[in-house]
Amino acid sequence: MISRPTIYCVRHTTSYAYGHPVDLAAHVLHLTPRDCPGQRVLKTSLECEPQPVRRETGTDHFGNRIVWLFHEEPHSRFDIVAFSEVEVSFPELPPVGMTLPWEEIVALAASDPEVSEYLFEGSMCPTSARVGDYVAQDFPVGRPVLEGLLALNERVFREFRFRSGVTSLRTKPEEVLDRGEGVCQDFTHLMLSGLRSLGLPARYMSGYIRTRPPQGQKRRLGADVSHAWVGVWLGPDYGWIGLDPTNGIVVRDEHVILGWGRDYGDISPVRGLILGGGGDTLRVGVDLVPCDEWYQDPELMKLGVFPPSALVE
């Protein structure tokens, strides 16, 4: 069963201010949502200042949309605005008892080339026997895979505290296990490491989640953030599902997918090389709002609508 689609407007801004001018720069951007089961990109645009001398588009190894930007003139700022309309309608979960025992998923995944690559660790998310032992508590012999996954997702949500500023991009899953706190990226890496230790294919999902202001308060523009969660394979009959351990929920109709990979290192929003710079500051802002609300809100409309360069899918 598929719920009624929701169409979201998502605006992601990234601004670098350099303490010293950058003379040359090359960047690769993962800022354009992708089409996939349950999600369709209706329109998308990506603008930047200064204008690059060369711009290319394509897809990476995982099928994510990417944009390459090349700058050859000195600049002290680098601003990017990505804006998209995305239709979201992910299917309901299958009945738990209809999913295969998790051991059968392990056997099937090992023989499927497209799935088995998500059994391997990435540069930022090593597999760990200790994390594997933690995850294995929810996977006794013969348990239906979805039953175990839902139990694990709820346990991570219940046992770990969301706290920003206590971890970094270099924090490993074992450190998160020891600390008992972190952010969405940490909880995602923790689950990925443990599931792969058991032989279950899992991938890092990058995107956005809808947030709402407290009752009676006004929405703060740009206050949303990028989000991460876990994609897990249920076998050839049911494919991939999304689990959000930060919120203890199944991905349904309030998430928008940018892309996926083995870990954050495969799908970071902005990555590049620069010649010059130093003393840089970075500011990021995200707005994810249903389009019927976006186009009726004067303040959101001031942020802009699609420029003439917008792509229409």
C-alpha atoms as a PDB file:
ATOM      1  CA  MET A   1       0.000   0.000   0.000  1.00  0.00           C
ATOM      2  CA  ILE A   2       1.300   3.451  -0.956  1.00  0.00           C
ATOM      3  CA  SER A   3       0.175   6.620   0.801  1.00  0.00           C
ATOM      4  CA  ARG A   4      -0.895   9.773  -1.003  1.00  0.00           C
ATOM      5  CA  PRO A   5       2.203  11.512  -2.387  1.00  0.00           C
ATOM      6  CA  THR A   6       3.610  14.611  -0.700  1.00  0.00           C
ATOM      7  CA  ILE A   7       5.462  17.167  -2.810  1.00  0.00           C
ATOM      8  CA  TYR A   8       8.213  18.995  -0.962  1.00  0.00           C
ATOM      9  CA  CYS A   9      10.217  22.087  -1.776  1.00  0.00           C
ATOM     10  CA  VAL A  10      13.752  21.726  -0.442  1.00  0.00           C
ATOM     11  CA  ARG A  11      16.279  24.554  -0.426  1.00  0.00           C
ATOM     12  CA  HIS A  12      19.860  23.882   0.686  1.00  0.00           C
ATOM     13  CA  THR A  13      22.306  26.787   0.954  1.00  0.00           C
ATOM     14  CA  THR A  14      26.049  26.493   1.528  1.00  0.00           C
ATOM     15  CA  SER A  15      28.288  29.530   2.034  1.00  0.00           C
ATOM     16  CA  TYR A  16      32.060  29.583   2.458  1.00  0.00           C
ATOM     17  CA  ALA A  17      33.877  32.764   3.478  1.00  0.00           C
ATOM     18  CA  TYR A  18      37.650  32.526   3.033  1.00  0.00           C
ATOM     19  CA  GLY A  19      40.134  34.377   5.184  1.00  0.00           C
ATOM     20  CA  HIS A  20      42.421  34.581   2.150  1.00  0.00           C
ATOM     21  CA  PRO A  21      41.416  34.451  -1.524  1.00  0.00           C
ATOM     22  CA  VAL A  22      41.135  31.097  -3.222  1.00  0.00           C
ATOM     23  CA  ASP A  23      42.951  31.097  -6.568  1.00  0.00           C
ATOM     24  CA  LEU A  24      41.811  27.742  -7.982  1.00  0.00           C
ATOM     25  CA  ALA A  25      39.068  25.350  -6.882  1.00  0.00           C
ATOM     26  CA  ALA A  26      37.426  22.118  -7.976  1.00  0.00           C
ATOM     27  CA  HIS A  27      34.348  20.808  -6.175  1.00  0.00           C
ATOM     28  CA  VAL A  28      32.019  17.827  -6.448  1.00  0.00           C
ATOM     29  CA  LEU A  29      28.513  18.354  -5.072  1.00  0.00           C
ATOM     30  CA  HIS A  30      25.910  15.869  -3.865  1.00  0.00           C
ATOM     31  CA  LEU A  31      23.085  18.389  -3.542  1.00  0.00           C
ATOM     32  CA  THR A  32      20.579  17.167  -6.122  1.00  0.00           C
ATOM     33  CA  PRO A  33      17.967  14.619  -4.988  1.00  0.00           C
ATOM     34  CA  ARG A  34      17.751  11.389  -6.960  1.00  0.00           C
ATOM     35  CA  ASP A  35      14.890   9.435  -8.454  1.00  0.00           C
ATOM     36  CA  CYS A  36      14.346   6.093  -6.744  1.00  0.00           C
ATOM     37  CA  PRO A  37      11.477   3.843  -5.644  1.00  0.00           C
ATOM     38  CA  GLY A  38       9.117   6.018  -3.618  1.00  0.00           C
ATOM     39  CA  GLN A  39      10.623   9.315  -4.763  1.00  0.00           C
ATOM     40  CA  ARG A  40      10.472  11.377  -7.969  1.00  0.00           C
ATOM     41  CA  VAL A  41      12.304  14.630  -8.665  1.00  0.00           C
ATOM     42  CA  LEU A  42       9.975  17.074 -10.424  1.00  0.00           C
ATOM     43  CA  LYS A  43      12.288  20.075 -10.767  1.00  0.00           C
ATOM     44  CA  THR A  44      15.766  20.902  -9.607  1.00  0.00           C
ATOM     45  CA  SER A  45      18.232  23.744  -9.931  1.00  0.00           C
ATOM     46  CA  LEU A  46      21.674  24.521  -8.592  1.00  0.00           C
ATOM     47  CA  GLU A  47      23.133  28.023  -8.683  1.00  0.00           C
ATOM     48  CA  CYS A  48      26.485  29.232  -7.388  1.00  0.00           C
ATOM     49  CA  GLU A  49      28.452  32.453  -7.017  1.00  0.00           C
ATOM     50  CA  PRO A  50      31.018  33.102  -8.379  1.00  0.00           C
ATOM     51  CA  GLN A  51      30.114  31.415 -11.633  1.00  0.00           C
ATOM     52  CA  PRO A  52      32.450  28.525 -12.472  1.00  0.00           C
ATOM     53  CA  VAL A  53      34.607  28.483 -15.573  1.00  0.00           C
ATOM     54  CA  ARG A  54      33.367  24.951 -16.164  1.00  0.00           C
ATOM     55  CA  ARG A  55      30.413  22.961 -14.875  1.00  0.00           C
ATOM     56  CA  GLU A  56      29.622  19.290 -15.483  1.00  0.00           C
ATOM     57  CA  THR A  57      26.875  16.956 -14.320  1.00  0.00           C
ATOM     58  CA  GLY A  58      26.709  13.197 -14.027  1.00  0.00           C
ATOM     59  CA  THR A  59      26.232  10.300 -11.630  1.00  0.00           C
ATOM     60  CA  ASP A  60      28.626   8.589  -9.260  1.00  0.00           C
ATOM     61  CA  HIS A  61      29.254   4.874  -8.735  1.00  0.00           C
ATOM     62  CA  PHE A  62      26.091   4.535  -6.619  1.00  0.00           C
ATOM     63  CA  GLY A  63      23.858   6.306  -9.130  1.00  0.00           C
ATOM     64  CA  ASN A  64      23.663   9.569  -7.173  1.00  0.00           C
ATOM     65  CA  ARG A  65      23.453  12.824  -9.089  1.00  0.00           C
ATOM     66  CA  ILE A  66      26.585  14.930  -8.871  1.00  0.00           C
ATOM     67  CA  VAL A  67      27.749  18.317 -10.140  1.00  0.00           C
ATOM     68  CA  TRP A  68      31.387  19.257 -10.730  1.00  0.00           C
ATOM     69  CA  LEU A  69      32.350  22.942 -10.470  1.00  0.00           C
ATOM     70  CA  PHE A  70      35.709  24.406 -11.526  1.00  0.00           C
ATOM     71  CA  HIS A  71      36.878  27.933 -10.616  1.00  0.00           C
ATOM     72  CA  GLU A  72      40.012  29.549 -12.023  1.00  0.00           C
ATOM     73  CA  GLU A  73      39.633  33.137 -10.792  1.00  0.00           C
ATOM     74  CA  PRO A  74      40.478  34.402  -7.273  1.00  0.00           C
ATOM     75  CA  HIS A  75      37.468  34.582  -4.964  1.00  0.00           C
ATOM     76  CA  SER A  76      36.854  35.225  -1.266  1.00  0.00           C
ATOM     77  CA  ARG A  77      33.378  33.670  -1.073  1.00  0.00           C
ATOM     78  CA  PHE A  78      31.705  30.592  -2.484  1.00  0.00           C
ATOM     79  CA  ASP A  79      27.898  30.386  -2.282  1.00  0.00           C
ATOM     80  CA  ILE A  80      25.707  27.510  -3.477  1.00  0.00           C
ATOM     81  CA  VAL A  81      21.916  27.330  -3.585  1.00  0.00           C
ATOM     82  CA  ALA A  82      20.217  24.039  -4.481  1.00  0.00           C
ATOM     83  CA  PHE A  83      16.441  24.072  -4.880  1.00  0.00           C
ATOM     84  CA  SER A  84      14.210  21.125  -5.797  1.00  0.00           C
ATOM     85  CA  GLU A  85      10.627  19.941  -5.915  1.00  0.00           C
ATOM     86  CA  VAL A  86      10.394  16.279  -4.920  1.00  0.00           C
ATOM     87  CA  GLU A  87       7.389  13.956  -4.813  1.00  0.00           C
ATOM     88  CA  VAL A  88       7.607  11.430  -1.970  1.00  0.00           C
ATOM     89  CA  SER A  89       5.432   8.344  -1.516  1.00  0.00           C
ATOM     90  CA  PHE A  90       7.255   5.402   0.052  1.00  0.00           C
ATOM     91  CA  PRO A  91       5.324   2.118   0.345  1.00  0.00           C
ATOM     92  CA  GLU A  92       4.094   0.669   3.606  1.00  0.00           C
ATOM     93  CA  LEU A  93       6.245  -1.981   5.258  1.00  0.00           C
ATOM     94  CA  PRO A  94       5.380  -5.601   4.528  1.00  0.00           C
ATOM     95  CA  PRO A  95       3.961  -7.690   7.380  1.00  0.00           C
ATOM     96  CA  VAL A  96       6.861  -8.530   9.690  1.00  0.00           C
ATOM     97  CA  GLY A  97       6.173 -12.264   9.582  1.00  0.00           C
ATOM     98  CA  MET A  98       6.320 -12.339   5.784  1.00  0.00           C
ATOM     99  CA  THR A  99       9.960 -11.261   5.656  1.00  0.00           C
ATOM    100  CA  LEU A 100      12.637 -13.913   5.492  1.00  0.00           C
ATOM    101  CA  PRO A 101      14.729 -15.021   8.463  1.00  0.00           C
ATOM    102  CA  TRP A 102      17.735 -12.753   8.658  1.00  0.00           C
ATOM    103  CA  GLU A 103      20.157 -15.616   7.970  1.00  0.00           C
ATOM    104  CA  GLU A 104      18.509 -16.153   4.575  1.00  0.00           C
ATOM    105  CA  ILE A 105      18.998 -12.467   3.747  1.00  0.00           C
ATOM    106  CA  VAL A 106      22.699 -12.896   4.578  1.00  0.00           C
ATOM    107  CA  ALA A 107      22.979 -15.805   2.130  1.00  0.00           C
ATOM    108  CA  LEU A 108      21.058 -14.022  -0.640  1.00  0.00           C
ATOM    109  CA  ALA A 109      23.028 -10.791  -0.262  1.00  0.00           C
ATOM    110  CA  ALA A 110      26.386 -12.527  -0.566  1.00  0.00           C
ATOM    111  CA  SER A 111      25.459 -13.815  -4.029  1.00  0.00           C
ATOM    112  CA  ASP A 112      23.945 -10.574  -5.389  1.00  0.00           C
ATOM    113  CA  PRO A 113      26.625  -8.238  -6.847  1.00  0.00           C
ATOM    114  CA  GLU A 114      24.463  -5.098  -6.644  1.00  0.00           C
ATOM    115  CA  VAL A 115      23.617  -5.700  -3.001  1.00  0.00           C
ATOM    116  CA  SER A 116      26.825  -7.250  -1.706  1.00  0.00           C
ATOM    117  CA  GLU A 117      28.842  -4.031  -2.120  1.00  0.00           C
ATOM    118  CA  TYR A 118      26.920  -2.684   0.879  1.00  0.00           C
ATOM    119  CA  LEU A 119      28.415  -5.437   3.020  1.00  0.00           C
ATOM    120  CA  PHE A 120      31.798  -3.713   2.891  1.00  0.00           C
ATOM    121  CA  GLU A 121      32.996  -0.928   5.132  1.00  0.00           C
ATOM    122  CA  GLY A 122      33.797   2.536   3.876  1.00  0.00           C
ATOM    123  CA  SER A 123      36.588   4.851   4.933  1.00  0.00           C
ATOM    124  CA  MET A 124      34.543   6.341   7.797  1.00  0.00           C
ATOM    125  CA  CYS A 125      32.573   3.341   9.031  1.00  0.00           C
ATOM    126  CA  PRO A 126      34.689   0.258   9.823  1.00  0.00           C
ATOM    127  CA  THR A 127      32.976  -2.952  10.837  1.00  0.00           C
ATOM    128  CA  SER A 128      33.475  -3.846  14.478  1.00  0.00           C
ATOM    129  CA  ALA A 129      33.035  -7.111  16.393  1.00  0.00           C
ATOM    130  CA  ARG A 130      31.921  -5.149  19.486  1.00  0.00           C
ATOM    131  CA  VAL A 131      29.309  -3.214  17.556  1.00  0.00           C
ATOM    132  CA  GLY A 132      28.313  -6.448  15.860  1.00  0.00           C
ATOM    133  CA  ASP A 133      27.710  -8.045  19.273  1.00  0.00           C
ATOM    134  CA  TYR A 134      25.529  -5.090  20.260  1.00  0.00           C
ATOM    135  CA  VAL A 135      23.406  -5.399  17.112  1.00  0.00           C
ATOM    136  CA  ALA A 136      23.257  -9.218  17.294  1.00  0.00           C
ATOM    137  CA  GLN A 137      21.095  -9.023  20.430  1.00  0.00           C
ATOM    138  CA  ASP A 138      18.127  -8.263  18.171  1.00  0.00           C
ATOM    139  CA  PHE A 139      18.848 -11.082  15.731  1.00  0.00           C
ATOM    140  CA  PRO A 140      18.423 -14.468  17.412  1.00  0.00           C
ATOM    141  CA  VAL A 141      18.384 -17.538  15.177  1.00  0.00           C
ATOM    142  CA  GLY A 142      15.491 -17.596  12.711  1.00  0.00           C
ATOM    143  CA  ARG A 143      14.041 -14.178  13.537  1.00  0.00           C
ATOM    144  CA  PRO A 144      12.303 -12.457  10.591  1.00  0.00           C
ATOM    145  CA  VAL A 145      14.694  -9.801   9.347  1.00  0.00           C
ATOM    146  CA  LEU A 146      12.212  -6.922   9.587  1.00  0.00           C
ATOM    147  CA  GLU A 147      11.312  -7.809  13.161  1.00  0.00           C
ATOM    148  CA  GLY A 148      14.965  -7.640  14.144  1.00  0.00           C
ATOM    149  CA  LEU A 149      15.529  -4.385  12.273  1.00  0.00           C
ATOM    150  CA  LEU A 150      12.582  -2.617  13.891  1.00  0.00           C
ATOM    151  CA  ALA A 151      13.718  -3.769  17.331  1.00  0.00           C
ATOM    152  CA  LEU A 152      17.266  -2.518  16.684  1.00  0.00           C
ATOM    153  CA  ASN A 153      16.050   0.825  15.337  1.00  0.00           C
ATOM    154  CA  GLU A 154      13.944   1.376  18.452  1.00  0.00           C
ATOM    155  CA  ARG A 155      16.754   0.278  20.789  1.00  0.00           C
ATOM    156  CA  VAL A 156      19.286   2.700  19.313  1.00  0.00           C
ATOM    157  CA  PHE A 157      16.718   5.492  19.606  1.00  0.00           C
ATOM    158  CA  ARG A 158      16.002   4.575  23.220  1.00  0.00           C
ATOM    159  CA  GLU A 159      19.552   3.928  24.458  1.00  0.00           C
ATOM    160  CA  PHE A 160      21.490   6.754  22.759  1.00  0.00           C
ATOM    161  CA  ARG A 161      21.115  10.454  23.391  1.00  0.00           C
ATOM    162  CA  PHE A 162      21.125  13.022  20.614  1.00  0.00           C
ATOM    163  CA  ARG A 163      23.769  15.587  21.464  1.00  0.00           C
ATOM    164  CA  SER A 164      25.565  17.780  18.963  1.00  0.00           C
ATOM    165  CA  GLY A 165      29.142  18.924  19.332  1.00  0.00           C
ATOM    166  CA  VAL A 166      30.466  15.820  21.132  1.00  0.00           C
ATOM    167  CA  THR A 167      31.509  13.900  18.002  1.00  0.00           C
ATOM    168  CA  SER A 168      33.121  14.726  14.664  1.00  0.00           C
ATOM    169  CA  LEU A 169      33.363  13.347  11.148  1.00  0.00           C
ATOM    170  CA  ARG A 170      36.203  11.132  12.389  1.00  0.00           C
ATOM    171  CA  THR A 171      34.225   9.490  15.199  1.00  0.00           C
ATOM    172  CA  LYS A 172      34.108   5.700  14.752  1.00  0.00           C
ATOM    173  CA  PRO A 173      31.153   3.419  15.602  1.00  0.00           C
ATOM    174  CA  GLU A 174      32.923   1.911  18.639  1.00  0.00           C
ATOM    175  CA  GLU A 175      33.390   5.397  20.079  1.00  0.00           C
ATOM    176  CA  VAL A 176      29.670   6.083  19.651  1.00  0.00           C
ATOM    177  CA  LEU A 177      28.901   2.802  21.410  1.00  0.00           C
ATOM    178  CA  ASP A 178      31.108   3.841  24.335  1.00  0.00           C
ATOM    179  CA  ARG A 179      29.796   7.413  24.550  1.00  0.00           C
ATOM    180  CA  GLY A 180      26.118   6.597  24.219  1.00  0.00           C
ATOM    181  CA  GLU A 181      25.492   9.902  22.453  1.00  0.00           C
ATOM    182  CA  GLY A 182      26.032  11.673  19.166  1.00  0.00           C
ATOM    183  CA  VAL A 183      24.141  12.881  16.097  1.00  0.00           C
ATOM    184  CA  CYS A 184      22.309  11.261  13.190  1.00  0.00           C
ATOM    185  CA  GLN A 185      25.506  10.447  11.316  1.00  0.00           C
ATOM    186  CA  ASP A 186      26.893   8.619  14.373  1.00  0.00           C
ATOM    187  CA  PHE A 187      23.773   6.516  14.943  1.00  0.00           C
ATOM    188  CA  THR A 188      23.652   5.662  11.253  1.00  0.00           C
ATOM    189  CA  HIS A 189      27.298   4.576  11.208  1.00  0.00           C
ATOM    190  CA  LEU A 190      26.717   2.524  14.361  1.00  0.00           C
ATOM    191  CA  MET A 191      23.868   0.564  12.787  1.00  0.00           C
ATOM    192  CA  LEU A 192      25.717   0.152   9.487  1.00  0.00           C
ATOM    193  CA  SER A 193      28.783  -1.256  11.202  1.00  0.00           C
ATOM    194  CA  GLY A 194      26.797  -3.727  13.279  1.00  0.00           C
ATOM    195  CA  LEU A 195      24.503  -4.918  10.506  1.00  0.00           C
ATOM    196  CA  ARG A 196      27.413  -5.494   8.148  1.00  0.00           C
ATOM    197  CA  SER A 197      29.193  -7.447  10.867  1.00  0.00           C
ATOM    198  CA  LEU A 198      26.250  -9.866  10.738  1.00  0.00           C
ATOM    199  CA  GLY A 199      26.362 -10.016   6.939  1.00  0.00           C
ATOM    200  CA  LEU A 200      23.268  -7.852   6.388  1.00  0.00           C
ATOM    201  CA  PRO A 201      23.624  -5.288   3.565  1.00  0.00           C
ATOM    202  CA  ALA A 202      23.064  -1.713   4.738  1.00  0.00           C
ATOM    203  CA  ARG A 203      23.740   1.672   3.181  1.00  0.00           C
ATOM    204  CA  TYR A 204      24.163   5.241   4.393  1.00  0.00           C
ATOM    205  CA  MET A 205      21.201   7.406   3.351  1.00  0.00           C
ATOM    206  CA  SER A 206      21.719  11.151   3.032  1.00  0.00           C
ATOM    207  CA  GLY A 207      18.915  13.657   2.764  1.00  0.00           C
ATOM    208  CA  TYR A 208      16.462  15.701   4.786  1.00  0.00           C
ATOM    209  CA  ILE A 209      13.657  15.252   7.300  1.00  0.00           C
ATOM    210  CA  ARG A 210      10.694  17.550   7.791  1.00  0.00           C
ATOM    211  CA  THR A 211      10.688  19.507  11.042  1.00  0.00           C
ATOM    212  CA  ARG A 212       7.985  21.651  12.569  1.00  0.00           C
ATOM    213  CA  PRO A 213       8.321  24.729  14.789  1.00  0.00           C
ATOM    214  CA  PRO A 214       7.054  24.491  18.371  1.00  0.00           C
ATOM    215  CA  GLN A 215       3.350  25.205  18.702  1.00  0.00           C
ATOM    216  CA  GLY A 216       2.641  28.908  18.516  1.00  0.00           C
ATOM    217  CA  GLN A 217       6.081  29.770  17.172  1.00  0.00           C
ATOM    218  CA  LYS A 218       7.062  30.861  13.695  1.00  0.00           C
ATOM    219  CA  ARG A 219       9.197  28.762  11.397  1.00  0.00           C
ATOM    220  CA  ARG A 220      12.853  29.820  11.407  1.00  0.00           C
ATOM    221  CA  LEU A 221      14.067  30.085   7.834  1.00  0.00           C
ATOM    222  CA  GLY A 222      17.099  27.940   7.069  1.00  0.00           C
ATOM    223  CA  ALA A 223      16.916  26.219  10.444  1.00  0.00           C
ATOM    224  CA  ASP A 224      16.490  22.671   9.143  1.00  0.00           C
ATOM    225  CA  VAL A 225      19.575  20.502   8.655  1.00  0.00           C
ATOM    226  CA  SER A 226      20.796  17.651   6.525  1.00  0.00           C
ATOM    227  CA  HIS A 227      19.874  14.256   7.899  1.00  0.00           C
ATOM    228  CA  ALA A 228      21.158  10.673   7.740  1.00  0.00           C
ATOM    229  CA  TRP A 229      19.523   7.312   8.224  1.00  0.00           C
ATOM    230  CA  VAL A 230      19.972   3.634   7.344  1.00  0.00           C
ATOM    231  CA  GLY A 231      18.822   1.749   4.253  1.00  0.00           C
ATOM    232  CA  VAL A 232      18.515  -2.032   4.695  1.00  0.00           C
ATOM    233  CA  TRP A 233      17.775  -4.766   2.146  1.00  0.00           C
ATOM    234  CA  LEU A 234      14.866  -7.110   2.932  1.00  0.00           C
ATOM    235  CA  GLY A 235      15.531  -9.455   0.030  1.00  0.00           C
ATOM    236  CA  PRO A 236      14.412  -9.554  -3.626  1.00  0.00           C
ATOM    237  CA  ASP A 237      10.686  -9.543  -2.795  1.00  0.00           C
ATOM    238  CA  TYR A 238      10.641  -6.308  -0.759  1.00  0.00           C
ATOM    239  CA  GLY A 239      13.857  -4.506  -1.659  1.00  0.00           C
ATOM    240  CA  TRP A 240      15.207  -1.648   0.454  1.00  0.00           C
ATOM    241  CA  ILE A 241      13.588   0.163   3.374  1.00  0.00           C
ATOM    242  CA  GLY A 242      14.691   3.193   5.386  1.00  0.00           C
ATOM    243  CA  LEU A 243      15.134   3.217   9.165  1.00  0.00           C
ATOM    244  CA  ASP A 244      15.790   6.421  11.096  1.00  0.00           C
ATOM    245  CA  PRO A 245      17.457   5.534  14.435  1.00  0.00           C
ATOM    246  CA  THR A 246      17.784   9.181  15.456  1.00  0.00           C
ATOM    247  CA  ASN A 247      13.996   9.420  15.666  1.00  0.00           C
ATOM    248  CA  GLY A 248      13.116   5.739  16.101  1.00  0.00           C
ATOM    249  CA  ILE A 249      10.902   5.709  13.007  1.00  0.00           C
ATOM    250  CA  VAL A 250      10.536   4.060   9.625  1.00  0.00           C
ATOM    251  CA  VAL A 251      11.105   6.345   6.637  1.00  0.00           C
ATOM    252  CA  ARG A 252       7.666   7.051   5.165  1.00  0.00           C
ATOM    253  CA  ASP A 253       6.526  10.485   4.030  1.00  0.00           C
ATOM    254  CA  GLU A 254       8.659  13.058   5.887  1.00  0.00           C
ATOM    255  CA  HIS A 255      12.093  12.259   4.418  1.00  0.00           C
ATOM    256  CA  VAL A 256      13.662  13.327   1.129  1.00  0.00           C
ATOM    257  CA  ILE A 257      16.591  11.298  -0.218  1.00  0.00           C
ATOM    258  CA  LEU A 258      19.631  13.023  -1.688  1.00  0.00           C
ATOM    259  CA  GLY A 259      21.595   9.823  -2.258  1.00  0.00           C
ATOM    260  CA  TRP A 260      23.325   6.860  -0.661  1.00  0.00           C
ATOM    261  CA  GLY A 261      26.667   5.119  -0.298  1.00  0.00           C
ATOM    262  CA  ARG A 262      28.669   3.024   2.144  1.00  0.00           C
ATOM    263  CA  ASP A 263      29.086   5.889   4.626  1.00  0.00           C
ATOM    264  CA  TYR A 264      29.194   9.677   4.859  1.00  0.00           C
ATOM    265  CA  GLY A 265      32.467   9.791   2.939  1.00  0.00           C
ATOM    266  CA  ASP A 266      30.727   8.543  -0.223  1.00  0.00           C
ATOM    267  CA  ILE A 267      27.949  11.113  -0.134  1.00  0.00           C
ATOM    268  CA  SER A 268      29.167  14.302   1.586  1.00  0.00           C
ATOM    269  CA  PRO A 269      27.220  17.290   0.183  1.00  0.00           C
ATOM    270  CA  VAL A 270      30.258  19.394  -0.804  1.00  0.00           C
ATOM    271  CA  ARG A 271      33.780  18.117  -1.300  1.00  0.00           C
ATOM    272  CA  GLY A 272      36.683  19.678  -3.152  1.00  0.00           C
ATOM    273  CA  LEU A 273      40.234  20.910  -3.491  1.00  0.00           C
ATOM    274  CA  ILE A 274      41.268  24.550  -3.284  1.00  0.00           C
ATOM    275  CA  LEU A 275      44.494  26.468  -3.850  1.00  0.00           C
ATOM    276  CA  GLY A 276      44.700  29.311  -1.347  1.00  0.00           C
ATOM    277  CA  GLY A 277      42.150  30.122   1.309  1.00  0.00           C
ATOM    278  CA  GLY A 278      42.698  29.750   5.035  1.00  0.00           C
ATOM    279  CA  GLY A 279      40.706  30.888   8.059  1.00  0.00           C
ATOM    280  CA  ASP A 280      37.517  29.662   6.356  1.00  0.00           C
ATOM    281  CA  THR A 281      34.028  29.836   7.820  1.00  0.00           C
ATOM    282  CA  LEU A 282      31.091  27.707   6.684  1.00  0.00           C
ATOM    283  CA  ARG A 283      27.354  28.338   6.980  1.00  0.00           C
ATOM    284  CA  VAL A 284      24.670  25.867   5.913  1.00  0.00           C
ATOM    285  CA  GLY A 285      20.913  26.353   5.831  1.00  0.00           C
ATOM    286  CA  VAL A 286      18.114  23.981   4.863  1.00  0.00           C
ATOM    287  CA  ASP A 287      14.371  24.448   4.381  1.00  0.00           C
ATOM    288  CA  LEU A 288      12.100  21.449   3.713  1.00  0.00           C
ATOM    289  CA  VAL A 289       8.456  22.474   3.353  1.00  0.00           C
ATOM    290  CA  PRO A 290       5.472  21.009   1.461  1.00  0.00           C
ATOM    291  CA  CYS A 291       5.214  22.932  -1.796  1.00  0.00           C
ATOM    292  CA  ASP A 292       1.594  23.942  -1.187  1.00  0.00           C
ATOM    293  CA  GLU A 293       2.822  25.748   1.941  1.00  0.00           C
ATOM    294  CA  TRP A 294       5.964  27.137   0.312  1.00  0.00           C
ATOM    295  CA  TYR A 295       4.151  28.926  -2.497  1.00  0.00           C
ATOM    296  CA  GLN A 296       1.643  30.492  -0.083  1.00  0.00           C
ATOM    297  CA  ASP A 297       4.196  31.841   2.382  1.00  0.00           C
ATOM    298  CA  PRO A 298       5.564  35.302   1.460  1.00  0.00           C
ATOM    299  CA  GLU A 299       8.724  34.815   3.530  1.00  0.00           C
ATOM    300  CA  LEU A 300       9.530  31.511   1.857  1.00  0.00           C
ATOM    301  CA  MET A 301       8.785  32.990  -1.542  1.00  0.00           C
ATOM    302  CA  LYS A 302      11.372  35.693  -0.838  1.00  0.00           C
ATOM    303  CA  LEU A 303      13.967  32.941  -0.738  1.00  0.00           C
ATOM    304  CA  GLY A 304      13.234  32.402  -4.401  1.00  0.00           C
ATOM    305  CA  VAL A 305      11.517  30.087  -6.818  1.00  0.00           C
ATOM    306  CA  PHE A 306      12.958  28.269  -9.784  1.00  0.00           C
ATOM    307  CA  PRO A 307      15.258  30.373 -11.963  1.00  0.00           C
ATOM    308  CA  PRO A 308      15.131  29.974 -15.757  1.00  0.00           C
ATOM    309  CA  SER A 309      17.997  27.478 -15.543  1.00  0.00           C
ATOM    310  CA  ALA A 310      15.904  25.011 -13.530  1.00  0.00           C
ATOM    311  CA  LEU A 311      15.771  21.511 -14.940  1.00  0.00           C
ATOM    312  CA  VAL A 312      12.352  19.934 -15.398  1.00  0.00           C
ATOM    313  CA  GLU A 313      12.308  16.147 -15.111  1.00  0.00           C
END
